[in-house]
Amino acid sequence: MRAFFAAHIVRDADTASSFLAEEAVIVDQDETFRGREETCAFLRDAGSEFAYTTEQIGAHRVDDTHWVVTVRLEGTFPGGVAELDYRFALRDDLIAELVIADHPA
């Protein structure tokens, strides 16, 4: 998961995608991407119209297969600042599901 996130932060979609299970699901702000082709396209294209920085500000293990990583984005997108939770579900050391949602205030 750390290697996925490191690749994702620097927008290396090919490397980030290599940590996803074949049938992975990514949910971002109520939009769902399923399978290798859709999830890879999401990782490549998400936020590409904006300039922004990403800083990890927290992480915690929920249980053996679930983690939550909190990030702070600052950039040219509407609002300029956002805190998001990346909720990971792992299976066989790969990311089976990733839900990206606003961090609770």
C-alpha atoms as a PDB file:
ATOM      1  CA  MET A   1       0.000   0.000   0.000  1.00  0.00           C
ATOM      2  CA  ARG A   2       2.855   2.419   0.742  1.00  0.00           C
ATOM      3  CA  ALA A   3       4.407   1.802  -2.658  1.00  0.00           C
ATOM      4  CA  PHE A   4       1.015   2.328  -4.329  1.00  0.00           C
ATOM      5  CA  PHE A   5       0.542   5.607  -2.539  1.00  0.00           C
ATOM      6  CA  ALA A   6       4.069   6.805  -3.299  1.00  0.00           C
ATOM      7  CA  ALA A   7       3.481   6.143  -7.006  1.00  0.00           C
ATOM      8  CA  HIS A   8       0.014   7.705  -6.908  1.00  0.00           C
ATOM      9  CA  ILE A   9       1.306  10.917  -5.294  1.00  0.00           C
ATOM     10  CA  VAL A  10       3.860  11.429  -8.076  1.00  0.00           C
ATOM     11  CA  ARG A  11       1.198  10.494 -10.669  1.00  0.00           C
ATOM     12  CA  ASP A  12       2.950   7.325 -11.846  1.00  0.00           C
ATOM     13  CA  ALA A  13      -0.248   5.517 -12.878  1.00  0.00           C
ATOM     14  CA  ASP A  14       1.532   2.491 -14.357  1.00  0.00           C
ATOM     15  CA  THR A  15       3.361   1.718 -11.122  1.00  0.00           C
ATOM     16  CA  ALA A  16       0.318   2.506  -8.960  1.00  0.00           C
ATOM     17  CA  SER A  17      -1.832   0.203 -11.109  1.00  0.00           C
ATOM     18  CA  SER A  18       0.562  -2.695 -10.543  1.00  0.00           C
ATOM     19  CA  PHE A  19      -0.612  -2.827  -6.898  1.00  0.00           C
ATOM     20  CA  LEU A  20      -4.279  -3.316  -7.833  1.00  0.00           C
ATOM     21  CA  ALA A  21      -5.996  -6.697  -7.973  1.00  0.00           C
ATOM     22  CA  GLU A  22      -7.207  -7.666 -11.460  1.00  0.00           C
ATOM     23  CA  GLU A  23     -10.847  -7.092 -10.447  1.00  0.00           C
ATOM     24  CA  ALA A  24     -10.153  -4.019  -8.287  1.00  0.00           C
ATOM     25  CA  VAL A  25     -12.824  -1.402  -7.665  1.00  0.00           C
ATOM     26  CA  ILE A  26     -12.127   2.287  -7.095  1.00  0.00           C
ATOM     27  CA  VAL A  27     -14.865   4.621  -5.877  1.00  0.00           C
ATOM     28  CA  ASP A  28     -14.097   8.338  -6.048  1.00  0.00           C
ATOM     29  CA  GLN A  29     -16.740  10.837  -4.942  1.00  0.00           C
ATOM     30  CA  ASP A  30     -19.600   8.467  -5.889  1.00  0.00           C
ATOM     31  CA  GLU A  31     -18.141   7.463  -9.278  1.00  0.00           C
ATOM     32  CA  THR A  32     -17.160   3.779  -9.558  1.00  0.00           C
ATOM     33  CA  PHE A  33     -14.405   2.265 -11.705  1.00  0.00           C
ATOM     34  CA  ARG A  34     -14.189  -1.527 -12.064  1.00  0.00           C
ATOM     35  CA  GLY A  35     -11.516  -3.835 -13.427  1.00  0.00           C
ATOM     36  CA  ARG A  36      -8.031  -3.277 -14.752  1.00  0.00           C
ATOM     37  CA  GLU A  37      -8.883  -0.992 -17.695  1.00  0.00           C
ATOM     38  CA  GLU A  38     -11.186   1.416 -15.816  1.00  0.00           C
ATOM     39  CA  THR A  39      -9.077   1.634 -12.651  1.00  0.00           C
ATOM     40  CA  CYS A  40      -5.869   2.238 -14.625  1.00  0.00           C
ATOM     41  CA  ALA A  41      -7.593   4.992 -16.623  1.00  0.00           C
ATOM     42  CA  PHE A  42      -8.825   6.567 -13.394  1.00  0.00           C
ATOM     43  CA  LEU A  43      -5.331   6.566 -11.866  1.00  0.00           C
ATOM     44  CA  ARG A  44      -3.907   8.084 -15.059  1.00  0.00           C
ATOM     45  CA  ASP A  45      -6.570  10.770 -15.548  1.00  0.00           C
ATOM     46  CA  ALA A  46      -7.883  11.742 -12.079  1.00  0.00           C
ATOM     47  CA  GLY A  47      -7.156  15.380 -11.337  1.00  0.00           C
ATOM     48  CA  SER A  48      -5.041  15.820 -14.466  1.00  0.00           C
ATOM     49  CA  GLU A  49      -6.794  19.098 -15.296  1.00  0.00           C
ATOM     50  CA  PHE A  50      -5.486  20.682 -12.075  1.00  0.00           C
ATOM     51  CA  ALA A  51      -2.111  21.486 -10.555  1.00  0.00           C
ATOM     52  CA  TYR A  52      -1.933  20.325  -6.936  1.00  0.00           C
ATOM     53  CA  THR A  53       0.257  18.933  -4.200  1.00  0.00           C
ATOM     54  CA  THR A  54      -0.560  15.931  -2.050  1.00  0.00           C
ATOM     55  CA  GLU A  55       0.564  15.493   1.555  1.00  0.00           C
ATOM     56  CA  GLN A  56      -0.185  12.432   3.658  1.00  0.00           C
ATOM     57  CA  ILE A  57      -1.412  13.698   7.034  1.00  0.00           C
ATOM     58  CA  GLY A  58      -2.533  10.470   8.655  1.00  0.00           C
ATOM     59  CA  ALA A  59      -2.899   6.705   8.359  1.00  0.00           C
ATOM     60  CA  HIS A  60      -4.390   3.979  10.477  1.00  0.00           C
ATOM     61  CA  ARG A  61      -5.021   0.280  10.270  1.00  0.00           C
ATOM     62  CA  VAL A  62      -8.662  -0.678  10.724  1.00  0.00           C
ATOM     63  CA  ASP A  63      -8.026  -4.456  10.766  1.00  0.00           C
ATOM     64  CA  ASP A  64      -5.863  -7.045   8.974  1.00  0.00           C
ATOM     65  CA  THR A  65      -7.124  -6.063   5.513  1.00  0.00           C
ATOM     66  CA  HIS A  66      -8.380  -2.476   5.835  1.00  0.00           C
ATOM     67  CA  TRP A  67      -6.428   0.786   6.081  1.00  0.00           C
ATOM     68  CA  VAL A  68      -7.337   4.472   5.911  1.00  0.00           C
ATOM     69  CA  VAL A  69      -4.837   7.056   4.640  1.00  0.00           C
ATOM     70  CA  THR A  70      -5.758  10.735   4.986  1.00  0.00           C
ATOM     71  CA  VAL A  71      -4.287  13.251   2.552  1.00  0.00           C
ATOM     72  CA  ARG A  72      -4.405  17.003   2.145  1.00  0.00           C
ATOM     73  CA  LEU A  73      -4.560  18.372  -1.395  1.00  0.00           C
ATOM     74  CA  GLU A  74      -3.771  21.991  -2.233  1.00  0.00           C
ATOM     75  CA  GLY A  75      -4.071  23.304  -5.759  1.00  0.00           C
ATOM     76  CA  THR A  76      -5.966  24.931  -8.574  1.00  0.00           C
ATOM     77  CA  PHE A  77      -9.171  22.880  -8.195  1.00  0.00           C
ATOM     78  CA  PRO A  78     -12.393  24.517  -6.897  1.00  0.00           C
ATOM     79  CA  GLY A  79     -11.954  25.348  -3.209  1.00  0.00           C
ATOM     80  CA  GLY A  80      -8.167  25.052  -3.420  1.00  0.00           C
ATOM     81  CA  VAL A  81      -7.808  22.741  -0.381  1.00  0.00           C
ATOM     82  CA  ALA A  82      -9.288  19.321   0.366  1.00  0.00           C
ATOM     83  CA  GLU A  83      -8.728  16.571   2.908  1.00  0.00           C
ATOM     84  CA  LEU A  84      -9.577  13.109   1.652  1.00  0.00           C
ATOM     85  CA  ASP A  85      -9.641   9.623   3.121  1.00  0.00           C
ATOM     86  CA  TYR A  86      -8.324   6.791   0.965  1.00  0.00           C
ATOM     87  CA  ARG A  87      -9.975   3.641   2.368  1.00  0.00           C
ATOM     88  CA  PHE A  88      -8.113   0.536   1.214  1.00  0.00           C
ATOM     89  CA  ALA A  89      -9.314  -3.070   1.288  1.00  0.00           C
ATOM     90  CA  LEU A  90      -6.523  -5.573   0.608  1.00  0.00           C
ATOM     91  CA  ARG A  91      -6.644  -9.119  -0.689  1.00  0.00           C
ATOM     92  CA  ASP A  92      -3.558 -11.255  -1.279  1.00  0.00           C
ATOM     93  CA  ASP A  93      -1.340  -8.180  -0.709  1.00  0.00           C
ATOM     94  CA  LEU A  94      -3.075  -6.293  -3.532  1.00  0.00           C
ATOM     95  CA  ILE A  95      -5.629  -3.496  -3.387  1.00  0.00           C
ATOM     96  CA  ALA A  96      -9.053  -5.006  -4.009  1.00  0.00           C
ATOM     97  CA  GLU A  97     -11.009  -1.857  -3.265  1.00  0.00           C
ATOM     98  CA  LEU A  98     -10.192   1.813  -2.814  1.00  0.00           C
ATOM     99  CA  VAL A  99     -12.814   4.319  -1.718  1.00  0.00           C
ATOM    100  CA  ILE A 100     -11.826   7.994  -1.869  1.00  0.00           C
ATOM    101  CA  ALA A 101     -14.085  10.306   0.116  1.00  0.00           C
ATOM    102  CA  ASP A 102     -14.030  13.611   1.960  1.00  0.00           C
ATOM    103  CA  HIS A 103     -12.363  13.376   5.355  1.00  0.00           C
ATOM    104  CA  PRO A 104     -14.914  14.060   8.121  1.00  0.00           C
ATOM    105  CA  ALA A 105     -14.479  17.529   9.574  1.00  0.00           C
END
